[in-house]
Amino acid sequence: MCGLQLAVSGLILALALFLPAGHLDWWQVWAYLGIFVGVIAFNALFVLRGDRELIAERSETNENAEPWDTMVRAALLVATTFVVRTRLEDRTLRAELPGYGEFAGQVRYRLVPGLW
């Protein structure tokens, strides 16, 4: 089960990084994912080897999590959804709204001025 959870986590991370970009030719994300997989593999091979109880404990969801921890997770989910939605909307506007591509080329920060 632990390997499946790690694979799903890696897939979710890759989707969260590549979907807003809209393409796969982003070497920085590939490097980040390589480091992520390397750290996870290092932990699996050397740190957690032989300690099945620790692996099982780290793989479980904690029902007694602090309220702030639950709020941080919810905020990250909302932020990720917002970024994906914004990227999809921008792609649709570029494809279907005449003149939006030119506007987007002139105005770099369209969502939050000076930031994004």
Protein backbone atom coordinates (compact mmCIF):
# COMPACT_ATOMS: atom_id res chain seq x y z
CA MET A 1 0.00 0.00 0.00
CA CYS A 2 2.86 2.40 0.78
CA GLY A 3 4.23 2.17 -2.78
CA LEU A 4 0.81 2.88 -4.24
CA GLN A 5 0.40 5.94 -2.00
CA LEU A 6 3.80 7.24 -3.08
CA ALA A 7 2.99 6.70 -6.75
CA VAL A 8 -0.36 8.49 -6.39
CA SER A 9 1.30 11.36 -4.50
CA GLY A 10 3.91 11.72 -7.23
CA LEU A 11 1.22 11.68 -9.91
CA ILE A 12 -0.83 14.33 -8.10
CA LEU A 13 2.28 16.47 -7.70
CA ALA A 14 3.12 16.12 -11.40
CA LEU A 15 -0.45 17.01 -12.39
CA ALA A 16 -0.49 20.00 -10.06
CA LEU A 17 2.70 21.30 -11.68
CA PHE A 18 2.13 20.41 -15.35
CA LEU A 19 -1.61 21.09 -15.76
CA PRO A 20 -1.39 24.84 -15.12
CA ALA A 21 1.58 25.03 -17.49
CA GLY A 22 -0.31 23.23 -20.25
CA HIS A 23 2.79 21.46 -21.57
CA LEU A 24 5.39 18.92 -20.51
CA ASP A 25 8.55 20.66 -21.77
CA TRP A 26 9.39 22.36 -18.48
CA TRP A 27 12.79 21.09 -17.34
CA GLN A 28 12.54 22.66 -13.87
CA VAL A 29 9.49 20.54 -13.03
CA TRP A 30 11.20 17.41 -14.31
CA ALA A 31 14.20 18.23 -12.12
CA TYR A 32 11.94 18.83 -9.11
CA LEU A 33 10.09 15.56 -9.68
CA GLY A 34 13.43 13.76 -10.01
CA ILE A 35 14.58 15.17 -6.69
CA PHE A 36 11.22 14.26 -5.12
CA VAL A 37 11.46 10.66 -6.35
CA GLY A 38 15.13 10.48 -5.31
CA VAL A 39 14.39 11.62 -1.75
CA ILE A 40 11.47 9.21 -1.46
CA ALA A 41 13.58 6.35 -2.82
CA PHE A 42 16.43 7.20 -0.42
CA ASN A 43 14.00 7.15 2.51
CA ALA A 44 12.47 3.88 1.37
CA LEU A 45 15.81 2.17 0.82
CA PHE A 46 17.90 3.42 3.73
CA VAL A 47 15.91 5.26 6.39
CA LEU A 48 12.73 3.22 6.64
CA ARG A 49 14.19 -0.18 5.74
CA GLY A 50 13.17 -2.79 8.24
CA ASP A 51 10.90 -0.55 10.30
CA ARG A 52 7.46 -1.67 9.11
CA GLU A 53 5.68 -0.01 12.05
CA LEU A 54 7.11 3.39 11.16
CA ILE A 55 6.09 2.97 7.52
CA ALA A 56 2.56 1.97 8.54
CA GLU A 57 2.30 4.88 10.98
CA ARG A 58 3.48 7.45 8.41
CA SER A 59 1.09 6.07 5.76
CA GLU A 60 -2.04 6.52 7.87
CA THR A 61 -4.29 9.56 7.95
CA ASN A 62 -4.44 11.03 11.41
CA GLU A 63 -8.01 11.61 12.58
CA ASN A 64 -6.64 13.60 15.53
CA ALA A 65 -4.96 16.20 13.31
CA GLU A 66 -4.82 19.75 14.58
CA PRO A 67 -7.50 22.08 13.15
CA TRP A 68 -4.86 24.36 11.60
CA ASP A 69 -3.35 21.38 9.76
CA THR A 70 -6.72 20.53 8.26
CA MET A 71 -7.19 24.19 7.27
CA VAL A 72 -3.77 24.30 5.59
CA ARG A 73 -4.62 21.21 3.56
CA ALA A 74 -7.98 22.69 2.55
CA ALA A 75 -6.33 26.00 1.59
CA LEU A 76 -3.77 24.18 -0.57
CA LEU A 77 -6.55 22.28 -2.32
CA VAL A 78 -8.48 25.49 -2.98
CA ALA A 79 -5.35 27.30 -4.22
CA THR A 80 -4.45 24.42 -6.56
CA THR A 81 -7.99 24.32 -7.93
CA PHE A 82 -7.89 28.10 -8.46
CA VAL A 83 -4.60 27.94 -10.36
CA VAL A 84 -5.78 25.09 -12.61
CA ARG A 85 -9.09 26.84 -13.30
CA THR A 86 -7.33 30.13 -14.10
CA ARG A 87 -4.93 28.42 -16.49
CA LEU A 88 -7.78 26.66 -18.30
CA GLU A 89 -9.73 29.92 -18.53
CA ASP A 90 -6.70 31.73 -19.96
CA ARG A 91 -6.22 29.01 -22.56
CA THR A 92 -9.91 29.23 -23.54
CA LEU A 93 -9.78 33.02 -23.81
CA ARG A 94 -6.68 32.84 -26.02
CA ALA A 95 -8.42 30.37 -28.32
CA GLU A 96 -11.89 31.93 -28.49
CA LEU A 97 -11.70 35.66 -27.73
CA PRO A 98 -10.36 37.79 -30.57
CA GLY A 99 -7.56 40.07 -29.43
CA TYR A 100 -6.97 38.34 -26.10
CA GLY A 101 -3.69 36.80 -27.24
CA GLU A 102 -2.35 40.26 -28.11
CA PHE A 103 -3.62 41.64 -24.80
CA ALA A 104 -2.00 38.78 -22.90
CA GLY A 105 1.27 39.47 -24.68
CA GLN A 106 1.22 43.12 -23.60
CA VAL A 107 -0.05 42.66 -20.04
CA ARG A 108 2.07 40.14 -18.19
CA TYR A 109 0.28 40.21 -14.83
CA ARG A 110 -3.43 39.92 -15.58
CA LEU A 111 -4.73 38.32 -12.38
CA VAL A 112 -2.86 40.09 -9.58
CA PRO A 113 -0.99 43.19 -10.82
CA GLY A 114 2.77 42.89 -10.32
CA LEU A 115 2.50 39.34 -9.03
CA TRP A 116 0.63 36.99 -11.34
